[in-house]
């Protein structure tokens, strides 16, 4: 029941595996989203996406723009 190969260790490891599989799934989804954004930039240079990145990354804005800053989402 106890020890490195006991039932309790097995249950603990099973829970850890489930947690890590969930984390992996989330990372794979994020990776797919980022790959999609990269393809848009590489293939077409999507002007809307480019402008969005300019706003967010380097703080670019136009003279008449109204900027609303929102708090970043915590993971």
C-alpha atoms as a PDB file:
ATOM      1  CA  UNK A   1       0.000   0.000   0.000  1.00  0.00           C
ATOM      2  CA  UNK A   2       2.823   2.406   0.747  1.00  0.00           C
ATOM      3  CA  UNK A   3       6.344   2.876  -0.528  1.00  0.00           C
ATOM      4  CA  UNK A   4       7.680   3.864  -3.926  1.00  0.00           C
ATOM      5  CA  UNK A   5       5.551   1.227  -5.699  1.00  0.00           C
ATOM      6  CA  UNK A   6       2.526   1.223  -3.432  1.00  0.00           C
ATOM      7  CA  UNK A   7      -1.062   2.155  -4.162  1.00  0.00           C
ATOM      8  CA  UNK A   8      -0.765   5.599  -2.604  1.00  0.00           C
ATOM      9  CA  UNK A   9       2.267   6.431  -4.738  1.00  0.00           C
ATOM     10  CA  UNK A  10       0.458   5.155  -7.803  1.00  0.00           C
ATOM     11  CA  UNK A  11      -2.599   7.349  -7.072  1.00  0.00           C
ATOM     12  CA  UNK A  12      -0.393  10.400  -6.510  1.00  0.00           C
ATOM     13  CA  UNK A  13       1.459   9.804  -9.763  1.00  0.00           C
ATOM     14  CA  UNK A  14      -1.818   9.249 -11.629  1.00  0.00           C
ATOM     15  CA  UNK A  15      -3.081  12.646 -10.467  1.00  0.00           C
ATOM     16  CA  UNK A  16       0.191  14.250 -11.510  1.00  0.00           C
ATOM     17  CA  UNK A  17      -0.059  12.646 -14.956  1.00  0.00           C
ATOM     18  CA  UNK A  18      -3.595  14.019 -15.398  1.00  0.00           C
ATOM     19  CA  UNK A  19      -2.450  17.491 -14.360  1.00  0.00           C
ATOM     20  CA  UNK A  20       0.526  17.414 -16.712  1.00  0.00           C
ATOM     21  CA  UNK A  21      -1.623  16.144 -19.599  1.00  0.00           C
ATOM     22  CA  UNK A  22      -3.997  19.066 -19.048  1.00  0.00           C
ATOM     23  CA  UNK A  23      -1.071  21.508 -19.027  1.00  0.00           C
ATOM     24  CA  UNK A  24       0.305  19.923 -22.203  1.00  0.00           C
ATOM     25  CA  UNK A  25      -3.081  20.291 -23.917  1.00  0.00           C
ATOM     26  CA  UNK A  26      -3.218  23.990 -23.016  1.00  0.00           C
ATOM     27  CA  UNK A  27       0.319  24.540 -24.291  1.00  0.00           C
ATOM     28  CA  UNK A  28      -0.444  22.726 -27.548  1.00  0.00           C
ATOM     29  CA  UNK A  29      -3.485  24.957 -28.102  1.00  0.00           C
ATOM     30  CA  UNK A  30      -1.432  28.086 -27.419  1.00  0.00           C
ATOM     31  CA  UNK A  31       1.292  26.832 -29.745  1.00  0.00           C
ATOM     32  CA  UNK A  32      -1.230  26.215 -32.545  1.00  0.00           C
ATOM     33  CA  UNK A  33      -2.622  29.731 -32.088  1.00  0.00           C
ATOM     34  CA  UNK A  34       0.863  31.266 -32.262  1.00  0.00           C
ATOM     35  CA  UNK A  35       1.773  29.177 -35.324  1.00  0.00           C
ATOM     36  CA  UNK A  36      -1.392  30.468 -37.007  1.00  0.00           C
ATOM     37  CA  UNK A  37      -0.382  34.070 -36.266  1.00  0.00           C
ATOM     38  CA  UNK A  38       3.106  33.423 -37.649  1.00  0.00           C
ATOM     39  CA  UNK A  39       1.672  31.982 -40.870  1.00  0.00           C
ATOM     40  CA  UNK A  40      -0.561  35.033 -41.305  1.00  0.00           C
ATOM     41  CA  UNK A  41       2.430  37.315 -40.975  1.00  0.00           C
ATOM     42  CA  UNK A  42       4.711  35.210 -43.198  1.00  0.00           C
ATOM     43  CA  UNK A  43       2.227  34.476 -45.983  1.00  0.00           C
ATOM     44  CA  UNK A  44       0.171  37.619 -46.406  1.00  0.00           C
ATOM     45  CA  UNK A  45       1.526  40.153 -44.012  1.00  0.00           C
ATOM     46  CA  UNK A  46      -1.977  40.588 -42.648  1.00  0.00           C
ATOM     47  CA  UNK A  47      -2.106  44.355 -42.195  1.00  0.00           C
ATOM     48  CA  UNK A  48      -4.654  44.219 -39.378  1.00  0.00           C
ATOM     49  CA  UNK A  49      -2.509  41.745 -37.455  1.00  0.00           C
ATOM     50  CA  UNK A  50       0.611  43.788 -38.143  1.00  0.00           C
ATOM     51  CA  UNK A  51      -1.076  46.929 -36.835  1.00  0.00           C
ATOM     52  CA  UNK A  52      -2.329  45.069 -33.747  1.00  0.00           C
ATOM     53  CA  UNK A  53       1.198  43.867 -33.033  1.00  0.00           C
ATOM     54  CA  UNK A  54       2.572  47.378 -33.513  1.00  0.00           C
ATOM     55  CA  UNK A  55       0.086  48.699 -30.972  1.00  0.00           C
ATOM     56  CA  UNK A  56       0.841  46.007 -28.417  1.00  0.00           C
ATOM     57  CA  UNK A  57       4.556  45.457 -28.775  1.00  0.00           C
ATOM     58  CA  UNK A  58       6.056  48.864 -29.448  1.00  0.00           C
ATOM     59  CA  UNK A  59       3.266  51.094 -28.201  1.00  0.00           C
ATOM     60  CA  UNK A  60       2.485  52.512 -31.657  1.00  0.00           C
ATOM     61  CA  UNK A  61      -0.640  54.642 -31.875  1.00  0.00           C
ATOM     62  CA  UNK A  62      -2.141  57.254 -34.157  1.00  0.00           C
ATOM     63  CA  UNK A  63      -2.753  60.841 -33.098  1.00  0.00           C
ATOM     64  CA  UNK A  64      -6.544  60.481 -32.704  1.00  0.00           C
ATOM     65  CA  UNK A  65      -6.530  57.008 -31.118  1.00  0.00           C
ATOM     66  CA  UNK A  66      -8.116  56.417 -27.736  1.00  0.00           C
ATOM     67  CA  UNK A  67      -6.203  53.749 -25.871  1.00  0.00           C
ATOM     68  CA  UNK A  68      -7.787  51.690 -23.106  1.00  0.00           C
ATOM     69  CA  UNK A  69      -5.310  49.663 -21.068  1.00  0.00           C
ATOM     70  CA  UNK A  70      -6.659  46.437 -19.609  1.00  0.00           C
ATOM     71  CA  UNK A  71      -4.917  44.337 -16.990  1.00  0.00           C
ATOM     72  CA  UNK A  72      -3.136  41.270 -18.343  1.00  0.00           C
ATOM     73  CA  UNK A  73      -4.826  37.960 -17.710  1.00  0.00           C
ATOM     74  CA  UNK A  74      -3.135  35.820 -15.108  1.00  0.00           C
ATOM     75  CA  UNK A  75      -2.520  32.178 -15.897  1.00  0.00           C
END
